Amino acid sequence: MVERERCNVGIRTVRTFAESALAYIGTSATVLGDVNWLGVLSAGAFGAVTAMLLALTGLPEAEE
């Protein structure tokens, strides 16, 4: 059961990273060359850390 929860946390973290990064790209630039890639990584990392911290309180996706 613990391994499954870890897998769920990992999946949630990666998905949140991608969603945060895409949201930042979508709001920061209209041309791919204008994207602040450090900002994209920062936003993604912040989202990933937030997802991991929220996972400490429990995973609603996990079946009991």
PDB file of N, CA and C in Angstrom:
ATOM      1  N   MET A   1       0.820  -1.201   0.000  1.00  0.00           N
ATOM      2  CA  MET A   1       0.000   0.000   0.000  1.00  0.00           C
ATOM      3  C   MET A   1       0.861   1.260   0.000  1.00  0.00           C
ATOM      4  N   VAL A   2       1.967   1.239   0.715  1.00  0.00           N
ATOM      5  CA  VAL A   2       2.837   2.403   0.782  1.00  0.00           C
ATOM      6  C   VAL A   2       3.457   2.690  -0.578  1.00  0.00           C
ATOM      7  N   GLU A   3       3.846   1.631  -1.287  1.00  0.00           N
ATOM      8  CA  GLU A   3       4.433   1.822  -2.615  1.00  0.00           C
ATOM      9  C   GLU A   3       3.426   2.460  -3.572  1.00  0.00           C
ATOM     10  N   ARG A   4       2.195   2.058  -3.471  1.00  0.00           N
ATOM     11  CA  ARG A   4       1.158   2.622  -4.339  1.00  0.00           C
ATOM     12  C   ARG A   4       0.942   4.104  -4.037  1.00  0.00           C
ATOM     13  N   GLU A   5       0.957   4.462  -2.747  1.00  0.00           N
ATOM     14  CA  GLU A   5       0.801   5.862  -2.367  1.00  0.00           C
ATOM     15  C   GLU A   5       1.974   6.690  -2.866  1.00  0.00           C
ATOM     16  N   ARG A   6       3.175   6.150  -2.781  1.00  0.00           N
ATOM     17  CA  ARG A   6       4.350   6.859  -3.298  1.00  0.00           C
ATOM     18  C   ARG A   6       4.232   7.069  -4.794  1.00  0.00           C
ATOM     19  N   CYS A   7       3.753   6.062  -5.489  1.00  0.00           N
ATOM     20  CA  CYS A   7       3.563   6.190  -6.936  1.00  0.00           C
ATOM     21  C   CYS A   7       2.537   7.278  -7.243  1.00  0.00           C
ATOM     22  N   ASN A   8       1.449   7.305  -6.478  1.00  0.00           N
ATOM     23  CA  ASN A   8       0.423   8.334  -6.679  1.00  0.00           C
ATOM     24  C   ASN A   8       0.977   9.731  -6.405  1.00  0.00           C
ATOM     25  N   VAL A   9       1.800   9.867  -5.375  1.00  0.00           N
ATOM     26  CA  VAL A   9       2.402  11.161  -5.060  1.00  0.00           C
ATOM     27  C   VAL A   9       3.329  11.583  -6.193  1.00  0.00           C
ATOM     28  N   GLY A  10       4.100  10.653  -6.715  1.00  0.00           N
ATOM     29  CA  GLY A  10       5.003  10.956  -7.831  1.00  0.00           C
ATOM     30  C   GLY A  10       4.250  11.397  -9.069  1.00  0.00           C
ATOM     31  N   ILE A  11       3.190  10.693  -9.381  1.00  0.00           N
ATOM     32  CA  ILE A  11       2.381  11.054 -10.550  1.00  0.00           C
ATOM     33  C   ILE A  11       1.754  12.428 -10.361  1.00  0.00           C
ATOM     34  N   ARG A  12       1.220  12.673  -9.173  1.00  0.00           N
ATOM     35  CA  ARG A  12       0.605  13.971  -8.895  1.00  0.00           C
ATOM     36  C   ARG A  12       1.633  15.090  -8.996  1.00  0.00           C
ATOM     37  N   THR A  13       2.844  14.851  -8.485  1.00  0.00           N
ATOM     38  CA  THR A  13       3.891  15.857  -8.511  1.00  0.00           C
ATOM     39  C   THR A  13       4.307  16.191  -9.942  1.00  0.00           C
ATOM     40  N   VAL A  14       4.502  15.179 -10.762  1.00  0.00           N
ATOM     41  CA  VAL A  14       4.907  15.405 -12.160  1.00  0.00           C
ATOM     42  C   VAL A  14       3.801  16.120 -12.930  1.00  0.00           C
ATOM     43  N   ARG A  15       2.559  15.708 -12.729  1.00  0.00           N
ATOM     44  CA  ARG A  15       1.447  16.362 -13.422  1.00  0.00           C
ATOM     45  C   ARG A  15       1.311  17.824 -13.008  1.00  0.00           C
ATOM     46  N   THR A  16       1.464  18.094 -11.719  1.00  0.00           N
ATOM     47  CA  THR A  16       1.358  19.468 -11.242  1.00  0.00           C
ATOM     48  C   THR A  16       2.500  20.322 -11.767  1.00  0.00           C
ATOM     49  N   PHE A  17       3.712  19.751 -11.830  1.00  0.00           N
ATOM     50  CA  PHE A  17       4.840  20.466 -12.408  1.00  0.00           C
ATOM     51  C   PHE A  17       4.527  20.864 -13.849  1.00  0.00           C
ATOM     52  N   ALA A  18       4.048  19.907 -14.636  1.00  0.00           N
ATOM     53  CA  ALA A  18       3.743  20.173 -16.041  1.00  0.00           C
ATOM     54  C   ALA A  18       2.622  21.203 -16.186  1.00  0.00           C
ATOM     55  N   GLU A  19       1.593  21.084 -15.383  1.00  0.00           N
ATOM     56  CA  GLU A  19       0.479  22.034 -15.460  1.00  0.00           C
ATOM     57  C   GLU A  19       0.919  23.444 -15.093  1.00  0.00           C
ATOM     58  N   SER A  20       1.722  23.559 -14.056  1.00  0.00           N
ATOM     59  CA  SER A  20       2.205  24.878 -13.629  1.00  0.00           C
ATOM     60  C   SER A  20       3.116  25.491 -14.682  1.00  0.00           C
ATOM     61  N   ALA A  21       3.999  24.685 -15.242  1.00  0.00           N
ATOM     62  CA  ALA A  21       4.908  25.178 -16.274  1.00  0.00           C
ATOM     63  C   ALA A  21       4.140  25.625 -17.513  1.00  0.00           C
ATOM     64  N   LEU A  22       3.168  24.840 -17.939  1.00  0.00           N
ATOM     65  CA  LEU A  22       2.370  25.213 -19.112  1.00  0.00           C
ATOM     66  C   LEU A  22       1.554  26.475 -18.857  1.00  0.00           C
ATOM     67  N   ALA A  23       1.030  26.617 -17.664  1.00  0.00           N
ATOM     68  CA  ALA A  23       0.269  27.831 -17.335  1.00  0.00           C
ATOM     69  C   ALA A  23       1.177  29.049 -17.384  1.00  0.00           C
ATOM     70  N   TYR A  24       2.390  28.912 -16.888  1.00  0.00           N
ATOM     71  CA  TYR A  24       3.332  30.041 -16.907  1.00  0.00           C
ATOM     72  C   TYR A  24       3.701  30.399 -18.344  1.00  0.00           C
ATOM     73  N   ILE A  25       3.946  29.394 -19.172  1.00  0.00           N
ATOM     74  CA  ILE A  25       4.281  29.656 -20.580  1.00  0.00           C
ATOM     75  C   ILE A  25       3.122  30.356 -21.266  1.00  0.00           C
ATOM     76  N   GLY A  26       1.918  29.898 -20.995  1.00  0.00           N
ATOM     77  CA  GLY A  26       0.744  30.472 -21.639  1.00  0.00           C
ATOM     78  C   GLY A  26       0.470  31.910 -21.250  1.00  0.00           C
ATOM     79  N   THR A  27       0.890  32.304 -20.067  1.00  0.00           N
ATOM     80  CA  THR A  27       0.613  33.666 -19.620  1.00  0.00           C
ATOM     81  C   THR A  27       1.792  34.610 -19.777  1.00  0.00           C
ATOM     82  N   SER A  28       2.984  34.069 -20.056  1.00  0.00           N
ATOM     83  CA  SER A  28       4.159  34.941 -20.067  1.00  0.00           C
ATOM     84  C   SER A  28       4.634  35.340 -21.454  1.00  0.00           C
ATOM     85  N   ALA A  29       4.306  34.572 -22.472  1.00  0.00           N
ATOM     86  CA  ALA A  29       4.862  34.883 -23.790  1.00  0.00           C
ATOM     87  C   ALA A  29       3.924  34.423 -24.897  1.00  0.00           C
ATOM     88  N   THR A  30       3.994  35.144 -25.993  1.00  0.00           N
ATOM     89  CA  THR A  30       3.223  34.742 -27.161  1.00  0.00           C
ATOM     90  C   THR A  30       4.106  34.046 -28.188  1.00  0.00           C
ATOM     91  N   VAL A  31       5.408  34.234 -28.101  1.00  0.00           N
ATOM     92  CA  VAL A  31       6.363  33.606 -29.004  1.00  0.00           C
ATOM     93  C   VAL A  31       7.288  32.728 -28.160  1.00  0.00           C
ATOM     94  N   LEU A  32       7.609  31.544 -28.656  1.00  0.00           N
ATOM     95  CA  LEU A  32       8.416  30.608 -27.878  1.00  0.00           C
ATOM     96  C   LEU A  32       9.763  31.189 -27.481  1.00  0.00           C
ATOM     97  N   GLY A  33      10.322  32.061 -28.277  1.00  0.00           N
ATOM     98  CA  GLY A  33      11.606  32.672 -27.964  1.00  0.00           C
ATOM     99  C   GLY A  33      11.529  33.676 -26.827  1.00  0.00           C
ATOM    100  N   ASP A  34      10.338  34.144 -26.514  1.00  0.00           N
ATOM    101  CA  ASP A  34      10.166  35.137 -25.448  1.00  0.00           C
ATOM    102  C   ASP A  34       9.917  34.519 -24.074  1.00  0.00           C
ATOM    103  N   VAL A  35       9.926  33.208 -24.001  1.00  0.00           N
ATOM    104  CA  VAL A  35       9.612  32.531 -22.742  1.00  0.00           C
ATOM    105  C   VAL A  35      10.787  32.653 -21.779  1.00  0.00           C
ATOM    106  N   ASN A  36      10.495  33.031 -20.566  1.00  0.00           N
ATOM    107  CA  ASN A  36      11.492  33.068 -19.501  1.00  0.00           C
ATOM    108  C   ASN A  36      11.571  31.657 -18.911  1.00  0.00           C
ATOM    109  N   TRP A  37      12.534  30.859 -19.382  1.00  0.00           N
ATOM    110  CA  TRP A  37      12.606  29.448 -19.005  1.00  0.00           C
ATOM    111  C   TRP A  37      12.935  29.258 -17.536  1.00  0.00           C
ATOM    112  N   LEU A  38      13.683  30.167 -16.960  1.00  0.00           N
ATOM    113  CA  LEU A  38      13.956  30.077 -15.522  1.00  0.00           C
ATOM    114  C   LEU A  38      12.652  30.271 -14.738  1.00  0.00           C
ATOM    115  N   GLY A  39      11.825  31.183 -15.209  1.00  0.00           N
ATOM    116  CA  GLY A  39      10.520  31.385 -14.586  1.00  0.00           C
ATOM    117  C   GLY A  39       9.617  30.168 -14.740  1.00  0.00           C
ATOM    118  N   VAL A  40       9.698  29.512 -15.894  1.00  0.00           N
ATOM    119  CA  VAL A  40       8.904  28.298 -16.126  1.00  0.00           C
ATOM    120  C   VAL A  40       9.326  27.212 -15.143  1.00  0.00           C
ATOM    121  N   LEU A  41      10.633  27.006 -15.010  1.00  0.00           N
ATOM    122  CA  LEU A  41      11.126  26.001 -14.069  1.00  0.00           C
ATOM    123  C   LEU A  41      10.768  26.352 -12.629  1.00  0.00           C
ATOM    124  N   SER A  42      10.849  27.627 -12.305  1.00  0.00           N
ATOM    125  CA  SER A  42      10.506  28.066 -10.956  1.00  0.00           C
ATOM    126  C   SER A  42       9.029  27.823 -10.652  1.00  0.00           C
ATOM    127  N   ALA A  43       8.159  28.162 -11.591  1.00  0.00           N
ATOM    128  CA  ALA A  43       6.726  27.949 -11.385  1.00  0.00           C
ATOM    129  C   ALA A  43       6.411  26.463 -11.287  1.00  0.00           C
ATOM    130  N   GLY A  44       7.037  25.665 -12.134  1.00  0.00           N
ATOM    131  CA  GLY A  44       6.826  24.222 -12.076  1.00  0.00           C
ATOM    132  C   GLY A  44       7.307  23.626 -10.769  1.00  0.00           C
ATOM    133  N   ALA A  45       8.471  24.062 -10.319  1.00  0.00           N
ATOM    134  CA  ALA A  45       9.017  23.548  -9.066  1.00  0.00           C
ATOM    135  C   ALA A  45       8.133  23.945  -7.889  1.00  0.00           C
ATOM    136  N   PHE A  46       7.647  25.172  -7.893  1.00  0.00           N
ATOM    137  CA  PHE A  46       6.756  25.616  -6.820  1.00  0.00           C
ATOM    138  C   PHE A  46       5.488  24.769  -6.796  1.00  0.00           C
ATOM    139  N   GLY A  47       4.932  24.514  -7.966  1.00  0.00           N
ATOM    140  CA  GLY A  47       3.735  23.668  -8.035  1.00  0.00           C
ATOM    141  C   GLY A  47       4.008  22.257  -7.563  1.00  0.00           C
ATOM    142  N   ALA A  48       5.162  21.712  -7.932  1.00  0.00           N
ATOM    143  CA  ALA A  48       5.507  20.351  -7.528  1.00  0.00           C
ATOM    144  C   ALA A  48       5.696  20.246  -6.017  1.00  0.00           C
ATOM    145  N   VAL A  49       6.377  21.210  -5.437  1.00  0.00           N
ATOM    146  CA  VAL A  49       6.581  21.199  -3.989  1.00  0.00           C
ATOM    147  C   VAL A  49       5.239  21.338  -3.270  1.00  0.00           C
ATOM    148  N   THR A  50       4.383  22.195  -3.786  1.00  0.00           N
ATOM    149  CA  THR A  50       3.057  22.365  -3.194  1.00  0.00           C
ATOM    150  C   THR A  50       2.271  21.061  -3.249  1.00  0.00           C
ATOM    151  N   ALA A  51       2.329  20.371  -4.382  1.00  0.00           N
ATOM    152  CA  ALA A  51       1.614  19.098  -4.515  1.00  0.00           C
ATOM    153  C   ALA A  51       2.144  18.061  -3.533  1.00  0.00           C
ATOM    154  N   MET A  52       3.468  18.014  -3.357  1.00  0.00           N
ATOM    155  CA  MET A  52       4.045  17.056  -2.420  1.00  0.00           C
ATOM    156  C   MET A  52       3.638  17.375  -0.984  1.00  0.00           C
ATOM    157  N   LEU A  53       3.622  18.657  -0.630  1.00  0.00           N
ATOM    158  CA  LEU A  53       3.220  19.034   0.727  1.00  0.00           C
ATOM    159  C   LEU A  53       1.743  18.737   0.979  1.00  0.00           C
ATOM    160  N   LEU A  54       0.914  18.974  -0.019  1.00  0.00           N
ATOM    161  CA  LEU A  54      -0.505  18.656   0.128  1.00  0.00           C
ATOM    162  C   LEU A  54      -0.725  17.159   0.229  1.00  0.00           C
ATOM    163  N   ALA A  55       0.154  16.371  -0.393  1.00  0.00           N
ATOM    164  CA  ALA A  55       0.022  14.918  -0.336  1.00  0.00           C
ATOM    165  C   ALA A  55       0.273  14.391   1.071  1.00  0.00           C
ATOM    166  N   LEU A  56       0.961  15.163   1.884  1.00  0.00           N
ATOM    167  CA  LEU A  56       1.193  14.730   3.264  1.00  0.00           C
ATOM    168  C   LEU A  56      -0.104  14.622   4.059  1.00  0.00           C
ATOM    169  N   THR A  57      -1.118  15.366   3.638  1.00  0.00           N
ATOM    170  CA  THR A  57      -2.402  15.335   4.333  1.00  0.00           C
ATOM    171  C   THR A  57      -3.293  14.208   3.833  1.00  0.00           C
ATOM    172  N   GLY A  58      -2.884  13.537   2.775  1.00  0.00           N
ATOM    173  CA  GLY A  58      -3.673  12.430   2.231  1.00  0.00           C
ATOM    174  C   GLY A  58      -3.935  12.623   0.757  1.00  0.00           C
ATOM    175  N   LEU A  59      -4.122  11.519   0.084  1.00  0.00           N
ATOM    176  CA  LEU A  59      -4.368  11.542  -1.347  1.00  0.00           C
ATOM    177  C   LEU A  59      -5.829  11.187  -1.632  1.00  0.00           C
ATOM    178  N   PRO A  60      -6.586  12.128  -2.154  1.00  0.00           N
ATOM    179  CA  PRO A  60      -7.978  11.812  -2.457  1.00  0.00           C
ATOM    180  C   PRO A  60      -8.116  10.819  -3.608  1.00  0.00           C
ATOM    181  N   GLU A  61      -7.077  10.714  -4.460  1.00  0.00           N
ATOM    182  CA  GLU A  61      -7.131   9.798  -5.591  1.00  0.00           C
ATOM    183  C   GLU A  61      -6.926   8.346  -5.165  1.00  0.00           C
ATOM    184  N   ALA A  62      -6.286   8.136  -4.023  1.00  0.00           N
ATOM    185  CA  ALA A  62      -5.940   6.792  -3.579  1.00  0.00           C
ATOM    186  C   ALA A  62      -7.195   6.045  -3.107  1.00  0.00           C
ATOM    187  N   GLU A  63      -7.299   4.818  -3.567  1.00  0.00           N
ATOM    188  CA  GLU A  63      -8.419   3.986  -3.119  1.00  0.00           C
ATOM    189  C   GLU A  63      -8.072   3.378  -1.775  1.00  0.00           C
ATOM    190  N   GLU A  64      -9.017   3.321  -0.918  1.00  0.00           N
ATOM    191  CA  GLU A  64      -8.769   2.795   0.429  1.00  0.00           C
ATOM    192  C   GLU A  64      -9.152   1.346   0.502  1.00  0.00           C
TER     193      GLU A  64
END
